[in-house]
Amino acid sequence: MTDDDTMPPYIYEGIDPVPEPKSTIAEVSDTVKQTVHRIGDAIETGKKPGMPLSLLANMAREAPLGSLLAAFLLGMAVARRR
């Protein structure tokens, strides 16, 4: 028997390199970009015909003074609660 116990080379060595840590600014930037993309998608979805943003836009075009009155009354209701 020999004391020459050599270990076989690691199979996965070098295949998955350790990712470099991102800076805090890069992480925040990526998060903001993802959030802006999600919000943009939600707005585009809401603008499709029959969706709430489409209905509000149509009402504002047809009756701008009525929409202004409704927004003012809603603002007054919210302000009084505080």
Protein backbone atom coordinates (compact mmCIF):
# COMPACT_ATOMS: atom_id res chain seq x y z
CA MET A 1 0.00 0.00 0.00
CA THR A 2 1.16 3.46 -0.76
CA ASP A 3 0.46 6.66 1.06
CA ASP A 4 0.08 8.44 -2.25
CA ASP A 5 -3.65 9.16 -1.97
CA THR A 6 -4.23 11.76 -4.61
CA MET A 7 -7.64 13.27 -4.82
CA PRO A 8 -9.28 13.39 -8.20
CA PRO A 9 -9.71 16.89 -9.60
CA TYR A 10 -12.96 18.63 -8.80
CA ILE A 11 -15.32 18.22 -11.68
CA TYR A 12 -17.16 21.53 -11.14
CA GLU A 13 -14.11 23.62 -10.50
CA GLY A 14 -14.15 26.67 -12.73
CA ILE A 15 -17.52 25.96 -14.37
CA ASP A 16 -19.54 28.28 -12.11
CA PRO A 17 -17.34 31.27 -11.30
CA VAL A 18 -18.22 33.32 -8.29
CA PRO A 19 -20.24 36.34 -9.46
CA GLU A 20 -18.73 39.70 -8.73
CA PRO A 21 -20.65 41.59 -6.06
CA LYS A 22 -22.72 44.48 -7.42
CA SER A 23 -22.35 47.90 -6.02
CA THR A 24 -25.23 49.37 -4.07
CA ILE A 25 -25.84 51.99 -6.75
CA ALA A 26 -26.09 49.30 -9.44
CA GLU A 27 -28.57 47.30 -7.37
CA VAL A 28 -30.73 50.37 -6.72
CA SER A 29 -30.56 51.31 -10.39
CA ASP A 30 -31.69 47.82 -11.45
CA THR A 31 -34.55 47.90 -8.94
CA VAL A 32 -35.73 51.30 -10.16
CA LYS A 33 -35.60 50.15 -13.79
CA GLN A 34 -37.66 47.05 -12.98
CA THR A 35 -40.21 49.12 -11.06
CA VAL A 36 -40.56 51.65 -13.88
CA HIS A 37 -41.04 48.81 -16.36
CA ARG A 38 -43.78 47.21 -14.22
CA ILE A 39 -45.59 50.52 -13.74
CA GLY A 40 -45.40 51.24 -17.47
CA ASP A 41 -46.85 47.81 -18.24
CA ALA A 42 -49.68 48.38 -15.75
CA ILE A 43 -50.52 51.76 -17.30
CA GLU A 44 -50.49 50.31 -20.82
CA THR A 45 -52.78 47.50 -19.67
CA GLY A 46 -55.15 50.03 -18.08
CA LYS A 47 -55.33 52.06 -21.30
CA LYS A 48 -56.76 49.19 -23.35
CA PRO A 49 -60.38 49.67 -24.45
CA GLY A 50 -62.84 48.86 -21.69
CA MET A 51 -60.26 49.16 -18.92
CA PRO A 52 -60.55 51.82 -16.15
CA LEU A 53 -57.98 54.30 -17.51
CA SER A 54 -59.61 54.18 -20.93
CA LEU A 55 -63.03 54.86 -19.41
CA LEU A 56 -61.71 57.78 -17.36
CA ALA A 57 -60.00 59.29 -20.39
CA ASN A 58 -63.21 59.02 -22.42
CA MET A 59 -65.29 60.63 -19.65
CA ALA A 60 -62.79 63.48 -19.32
CA ARG A 61 -62.92 64.10 -23.09
CA GLU A 62 -66.72 64.08 -23.22
CA ALA A 63 -67.40 66.13 -20.08
CA PRO A 64 -64.29 68.00 -18.89
CA LEU A 65 -66.17 70.26 -16.43
CA GLY A 66 -68.02 67.33 -14.90
CA SER A 67 -64.75 65.45 -14.49
CA LEU A 68 -63.17 68.50 -12.89
CA LEU A 69 -66.08 68.80 -10.46
CA ALA A 70 -65.86 65.11 -9.55
CA ALA A 71 -62.10 65.38 -8.96
CA PHE A 72 -62.59 68.48 -6.81
CA LEU A 73 -65.27 66.79 -4.68
CA LEU A 74 -63.14 63.68 -4.29
CA GLY A 75 -60.21 65.85 -3.20
CA MET A 76 -62.39 67.65 -0.65
CA ALA A 77 -63.61 64.33 0.76
CA VAL A 78 -60.07 63.03 1.15
CA ALA A 79 -58.80 66.31 2.64
CA ARG A 80 -61.52 66.39 5.31
CA ARG A 81 -60.56 62.97 6.61
CA ARG A 82 -57.10 64.22 7.51
